[in-house]
Amino acid sequence: MLDEVNAIESTWLRASLISEPKRTEMKDLLKEYVRIRVVLASHQEKVKEIIVQSTAIQRKIWSIVHELVNENPRNDAINALFVESVNVMFDNQTRRVTVTMSHRIPALIWVSLFSLTVISMFAVGYLFGKMEKTNWYLILALSLAFASVILVIIDLDSATGTIQINHQPILNLYQRLLGG
């Protein structure tokens, strides 16, 4: 999140170095690019729609970059800075989409994790069965501990789990972009 916010803000700042009317067009596209991320922060169910919109905006941004580089080949240093910030911004989008949508714990690891949990619980149960006096508090604590770890792993693996990243940086960026 922070890498993406920094890349967008760098692109915004470097857009100030390019000439009109491309500067205004680029800044408007960047505002829209951030706005849809703000929408995504509160509407996770729209993730696929947001990805399509982001890709469309990226195409428009890249066409402006392409025109800019072809029109002003004498501004190589400014063009290079601007193109680099746009590329980093696009790379961060690709990284987030890939991690969010594609990278999941493989089924074999899930089977292994659940198998180890079951074996461990049987072993603990066997050891407690051998004891003279059953400690139900300890059995309950161990069972809850194993279950909690599994639930946290499941939640972290889910794109829409209850453990989410803080979207405040993108909200702050959007406010800054609207202000200037």
Protein backbone atom coordinates (compact mmCIF):
# COMPACT_ATOMS: atom_id res chain seq x y z
CA MET A 1 0.00 0.00 0.00
CA LEU A 2 2.70 2.48 0.98
CA ASP A 3 4.79 1.70 -2.11
CA GLU A 4 1.77 2.28 -4.31
CA VAL A 5 0.84 5.54 -2.57
CA ASN A 6 4.44 6.78 -2.86
CA ALA A 7 4.61 5.85 -6.55
CA ILE A 8 1.32 7.61 -7.33
CA GLU A 9 2.37 10.71 -5.42
CA SER A 10 5.76 10.76 -7.20
CA THR A 11 3.96 10.54 -10.53
CA TRP A 12 1.64 13.35 -9.43
CA LEU A 13 4.57 15.57 -8.48
CA ARG A 14 6.49 14.77 -11.66
CA ALA A 15 3.38 15.46 -13.74
CA SER A 16 3.81 19.09 -12.65
CA LEU A 17 7.00 19.14 -14.74
CA ILE A 18 5.26 18.36 -18.02
CA SER A 19 3.62 20.95 -20.24
CA GLU A 20 -0.04 21.74 -20.64
CA PRO A 21 -2.52 20.35 -21.64
CA LYS A 22 -0.98 16.98 -20.78
CA ARG A 23 -0.27 18.10 -17.19
CA THR A 24 -3.94 18.71 -16.44
CA GLU A 25 -5.05 15.57 -18.26
CA MET A 26 -2.47 13.47 -16.37
CA LYS A 27 -3.43 14.93 -13.00
CA ASP A 28 -7.12 14.30 -13.69
CA LEU A 29 -6.35 10.67 -14.57
CA LEU A 30 -4.27 10.27 -11.41
CA LYS A 31 -7.11 11.67 -9.31
CA GLU A 32 -9.48 9.14 -10.87
CA TYR A 33 -6.89 6.37 -10.37
CA VAL A 34 -6.73 7.17 -6.66
CA ARG A 35 -10.49 7.74 -6.36
CA ILE A 36 -11.28 4.21 -7.48
CA ARG A 37 -8.83 2.89 -4.89
CA VAL A 38 -10.69 4.86 -2.26
CA VAL A 39 -13.92 3.21 -3.48
CA LEU A 40 -12.21 -0.19 -3.27
CA ALA A 41 -11.23 0.47 0.35
CA SER A 42 -14.88 0.47 1.37
CA HIS A 43 -16.30 -1.86 -1.31
CA GLN A 44 -14.10 -4.97 -1.51
CA GLU A 45 -16.74 -6.74 -3.57
CA LYS A 46 -15.95 -4.41 -6.51
CA VAL A 47 -12.35 -5.58 -6.84
CA LYS A 48 -12.69 -7.00 -10.37
CA GLU A 49 -14.51 -3.89 -11.61
CA ILE A 50 -11.82 -1.67 -10.03
CA ILE A 51 -9.05 -3.67 -11.71
CA VAL A 52 -10.72 -3.16 -15.11
CA GLN A 53 -11.08 0.57 -14.44
CA SER A 54 -7.46 0.83 -13.25
CA THR A 55 -6.22 -0.92 -16.38
CA ALA A 56 -8.20 1.46 -18.58
CA ILE A 57 -6.76 4.47 -16.77
CA GLN A 58 -3.27 3.00 -17.06
CA ARG A 59 -3.72 2.71 -20.85
CA LYS A 60 -4.73 6.38 -21.02
CA ILE A 61 -1.78 7.39 -18.83
CA TRP A 62 0.61 5.39 -20.98
CA SER A 63 -0.72 6.98 -24.18
CA ILE A 64 0.00 10.41 -22.66
CA VAL A 65 3.49 9.28 -21.68
CA HIS A 66 4.06 7.95 -25.20
CA GLU A 67 2.89 11.22 -26.78
CA LEU A 68 4.98 13.25 -24.35
CA VAL A 69 8.18 11.34 -25.08
CA ASN A 70 7.62 11.57 -28.83
CA GLU A 71 6.75 15.30 -28.74
CA ASN A 72 9.52 16.48 -26.43
CA PRO A 73 12.61 14.37 -27.03
CA ARG A 74 14.75 17.31 -25.84
CA ASN A 75 13.43 16.96 -22.27
CA ASP A 76 15.08 13.59 -21.77
CA ALA A 77 15.79 14.03 -18.05
CA ILE A 78 12.25 15.13 -17.19
CA ASN A 79 10.74 12.49 -19.47
CA ALA A 80 12.91 9.78 -17.89
CA LEU A 81 11.86 10.78 -14.37
CA PHE A 82 8.21 10.87 -15.35
CA VAL A 83 8.30 7.56 -17.25
CA GLU A 84 10.11 5.89 -14.34
CA SER A 85 7.49 7.02 -11.81
CA VAL A 86 4.66 5.85 -14.08
CA ASN A 87 6.36 2.47 -14.50
CA VAL A 88 6.78 2.07 -10.74
CA MET A 89 3.13 2.99 -10.25
CA PHE A 90 2.07 0.35 -12.79
CA ASP A 91 4.41 -2.24 -11.26
CA ASN A 92 2.84 -1.71 -7.84
CA GLN A 93 -0.64 -2.19 -9.31
CA THR A 94 0.47 -5.45 -10.93
CA ARG A 95 2.08 -6.63 -7.69
CA ARG A 96 -1.05 -5.90 -5.62
CA VAL A 97 -3.39 -7.56 -8.11
CA THR A 98 -1.17 -10.62 -8.34
CA VAL A 99 -0.81 -11.03 -4.59
CA THR A 100 -4.48 -10.33 -3.92
CA MET A 101 -6.03 -12.38 -6.69
CA SER A 102 -3.53 -15.13 -7.52
CA HIS A 103 -1.24 -15.96 -4.65
CA ARG A 104 -3.03 -18.36 -2.36
CA ILE A 105 -1.80 -21.15 -0.14
CA PRO A 106 -1.69 -24.32 -2.29
CA ALA A 107 -4.06 -27.19 -1.47
CA LEU A 108 -1.19 -29.52 -0.57
CA ILE A 109 -0.03 -27.14 2.17
CA TRP A 110 -3.61 -26.92 3.50
CA VAL A 111 -3.84 -30.73 3.61
CA SER A 112 -0.47 -30.90 5.37
CA LEU A 113 -1.45 -28.22 7.87
CA PHE A 114 -4.75 -29.90 8.75
CA SER A 115 -3.08 -33.34 8.90
CA LEU A 116 -0.43 -32.07 11.29
CA THR A 117 -3.10 -30.45 13.42
CA VAL A 118 -5.14 -33.66 13.60
CA ILE A 119 -2.06 -35.77 14.40
CA SER A 120 -0.97 -33.28 17.04
CA MET A 121 -4.40 -33.23 18.64
CA PHE A 122 -4.50 -37.06 18.70
CA ALA A 123 -1.03 -37.13 20.27
CA VAL A 124 -2.02 -34.59 22.91
CA GLY A 125 -5.24 -36.50 23.56
CA TYR A 126 -3.32 -39.75 23.94
CA LEU A 127 -0.88 -38.16 26.38
CA PHE A 128 -3.70 -36.64 28.40
CA GLY A 129 -5.46 -40.03 28.39
CA LYS A 130 -2.39 -41.58 30.02
CA MET A 131 -2.47 -39.08 32.86
CA GLU A 132 -4.21 -39.93 36.11
CA LYS A 133 -6.18 -36.72 36.24
CA THR A 134 -7.53 -34.98 33.11
CA ASN A 135 -6.79 -31.26 32.91
CA TRP A 136 -9.74 -29.99 30.88
CA TYR A 137 -8.51 -26.40 31.01
CA LEU A 138 -5.25 -27.36 29.32
CA ILE A 139 -7.07 -29.47 26.71
CA LEU A 140 -9.40 -26.58 25.96
CA ALA A 141 -6.52 -24.07 25.82
CA LEU A 142 -4.50 -26.22 23.40
CA SER A 143 -7.52 -26.90 21.20
CA LEU A 144 -8.38 -23.19 21.04
CA ALA A 145 -4.74 -22.29 20.34
CA PHE A 146 -4.53 -24.70 17.38
CA ALA A 147 -7.92 -23.57 16.06
CA SER A 148 -6.96 -19.90 16.41
CA VAL A 149 -3.73 -20.35 14.46
CA ILE A 150 -5.59 -22.14 11.66
CA LEU A 151 -8.27 -19.43 11.55
CA VAL A 152 -5.68 -16.65 11.37
CA ILE A 153 -3.90 -18.42 8.49
CA ILE A 154 -7.21 -18.90 6.66
CA ASP A 155 -8.10 -15.24 7.19
CA LEU A 156 -4.71 -13.98 5.99
CA ASP A 157 -4.97 -16.18 2.89
CA SER A 158 -8.38 -14.73 2.04
CA ALA A 159 -8.51 -11.50 0.03
CA THR A 160 -11.69 -10.53 1.87
CA GLY A 161 -10.80 -11.73 5.38
CA THR A 162 -11.29 -9.74 8.54
CA ILE A 163 -7.58 -8.90 8.81
CA GLN A 164 -7.16 -6.11 6.26
CA ILE A 165 -4.52 -3.55 5.46
CA ASN A 166 -5.06 0.01 6.60
CA HIS A 167 -6.33 2.11 3.70
CA GLN A 168 -5.66 5.44 5.42
CA PRO A 169 -2.59 6.25 3.26
CA ILE A 170 -4.61 6.10 0.04
CA LEU A 171 -7.39 8.18 1.64
CA ASN A 172 -4.82 10.78 2.73
CA LEU A 173 -3.30 10.83 -0.75
CA TYR A 174 -6.72 11.38 -2.32
CA GLN A 175 -7.33 14.36 -0.03
CA ARG A 176 -3.92 15.80 -0.98
CA LEU A 177 -4.61 15.36 -4.69
CA LEU A 178 -7.99 17.04 -4.39
CA GLY A 179 -6.35 19.94 -2.58
CA GLY A 180 -3.75 20.62 -5.24
